[in-house]
Amino acid sequence: MIGILGTVADYSDPAAYRKSAERARRFGFSGGTCIHPGLVGVLNEALTPTPEELAHAKRLIAADEKATEEGRGSFSVDDKMTDIPVIDRARRLIARHEAIERRLKR
């Protein structure tokens, strides 16, 4: 999903825009829009997976591979039940990170 939970009209307050972008990310948004080029960096930073999120996603994928080898469909990571929807989100996060990295290398 692409969008911002809040207004994009007030481009004079980058901190408020970042807060809206971060909120949108928590709601599952992976991209957004802005009407001023000065906010592009803020938007990119707010929506780019953090190193911690990336490491967690990789742990989830590794745990899934192990569970699959053992014939299990669900398992626990960090004391939280983990199943296919969680793994799918982890794969999308890793894919988004890789797409961002490719774009930065251009």
Protein backbone atom coordinates (compact mmCIF):
# COMPACT_ATOMS: atom_id res chain seq x y z
CA MET A 1 0.00 0.00 0.00
CA ILE A 2 1.11 3.50 -0.72
CA GLY A 3 -0.01 6.53 1.23
CA ILE A 4 0.43 8.68 4.30
CA LEU A 5 -1.85 8.71 7.34
CA GLY A 6 -2.19 12.44 7.61
CA THR A 7 -1.91 15.47 5.40
CA VAL A 8 0.76 15.91 2.75
CA ALA A 9 -0.21 19.56 2.23
CA ASP A 10 1.86 20.96 5.12
CA TYR A 11 5.38 20.53 3.82
CA SER A 12 6.83 23.07 6.24
CA ASP A 13 6.99 20.63 9.17
CA PRO A 14 9.26 17.68 8.30
CA ALA A 15 9.01 16.26 11.84
CA ALA A 16 5.20 16.04 11.63
CA TYR A 17 5.44 14.54 8.14
CA ARG A 18 7.91 11.93 9.41
CA LYS A 19 5.54 11.06 12.24
CA SER A 20 2.71 10.54 9.73
CA ALA A 21 4.95 8.41 7.50
CA GLU A 22 6.12 6.29 10.43
CA ARG A 23 2.51 5.80 11.51
CA ALA A 24 1.58 4.75 7.98
CA ARG A 25 4.44 2.26 8.02
CA ARG A 26 3.16 0.73 11.27
CA PHE A 27 -0.17 0.26 9.48
CA GLY A 28 1.51 -1.67 6.68
CA PHE A 29 2.20 1.05 4.13
CA SER A 30 5.45 0.59 2.20
CA GLY A 31 5.47 3.81 0.19
CA GLY A 32 4.07 7.29 0.28
CA THR A 33 3.67 10.56 -1.52
CA CYS A 34 4.85 14.07 -0.87
CA ILE A 35 4.24 17.37 -2.62
CA HIS A 36 7.62 18.95 -1.92
CA PRO A 37 11.01 17.52 -2.88
CA GLY A 38 12.38 18.54 0.52
CA LEU A 39 10.34 15.73 2.09
CA VAL A 40 11.58 12.90 -0.14
CA GLY A 41 14.49 12.12 2.21
CA VAL A 42 12.20 12.17 5.26
CA LEU A 43 9.78 9.81 3.52
CA ASN A 44 12.56 7.46 2.42
CA GLU A 45 14.05 7.32 5.91
CA ALA A 46 10.68 6.70 7.55
CA LEU A 47 9.77 3.85 5.20
CA THR A 48 13.16 2.13 4.84
CA PRO A 49 13.51 -1.02 6.97
CA THR A 50 15.86 -0.55 9.90
CA PRO A 51 18.87 -2.84 10.40
CA GLU A 52 17.07 -4.35 13.41
CA GLU A 53 13.94 -5.07 11.38
CA LEU A 54 16.02 -6.61 8.62
CA ALA A 55 17.92 -8.83 11.09
CA HIS A 56 14.64 -9.93 12.69
CA ALA A 57 13.14 -10.76 9.28
CA LYS A 58 16.20 -12.86 8.43
CA ARG A 59 15.87 -14.71 11.76
CA LEU A 60 12.23 -15.43 10.95
CA ILE A 61 13.14 -16.80 7.52
CA ALA A 62 15.86 -19.01 9.00
CA ALA A 63 13.46 -20.32 11.64
CA ASP A 64 10.88 -21.00 8.95
CA GLU A 65 13.38 -22.99 6.91
CA LYS A 66 14.27 -25.04 9.97
CA ALA A 67 10.60 -25.65 10.83
CA THR A 68 9.91 -26.69 7.24
CA GLU A 69 12.76 -29.22 7.39
CA GLU A 70 11.18 -30.57 10.59
CA GLY A 71 7.71 -30.72 9.00
CA ARG A 72 6.19 -27.97 11.17
CA GLY A 73 3.90 -25.23 9.87
CA SER A 74 4.08 -22.91 12.88
CA PHE A 75 6.76 -22.19 15.44
CA SER A 76 7.94 -19.62 17.94
CA VAL A 77 10.50 -16.86 17.49
CA ASP A 78 11.24 -14.51 20.41
CA ASP A 79 8.36 -16.13 22.33
CA LYS A 80 5.85 -15.20 19.61
CA MET A 81 3.92 -17.66 17.50
CA THR A 82 5.09 -17.42 13.92
CA ASP A 83 3.33 -18.76 10.86
CA ILE A 84 2.99 -18.15 7.13
CA PRO A 85 1.53 -14.60 7.24
CA VAL A 86 4.41 -13.49 9.50
CA ILE A 87 6.95 -15.12 7.18
CA ASP A 88 5.31 -13.50 4.15
CA ARG A 89 5.69 -10.07 5.79
CA ALA A 90 9.34 -10.84 6.56
CA ARG A 91 9.96 -11.81 2.93
CA ARG A 92 8.30 -8.60 1.71
CA LEU A 93 10.43 -6.53 4.11
CA ILE A 94 13.61 -8.19 2.84
CA ALA A 95 12.51 -7.72 -0.77
CA ARG A 96 11.79 -4.02 -0.11
CA HIS A 97 15.20 -3.61 1.50
CA GLU A 98 16.90 -5.28 -1.48
CA ALA A 99 14.98 -3.06 -3.94
CA ILE A 100 16.06 0.04 -2.03
CA GLU A 101 19.68 -1.14 -2.03
CA ARG A 102 19.59 -1.76 -5.80
CA ARG A 103 18.16 1.70 -6.39
CA LEU A 104 20.82 3.34 -4.22
CA LYS A 105 23.57 1.67 -6.27
CA ARG A 106 22.41 3.34 -9.49
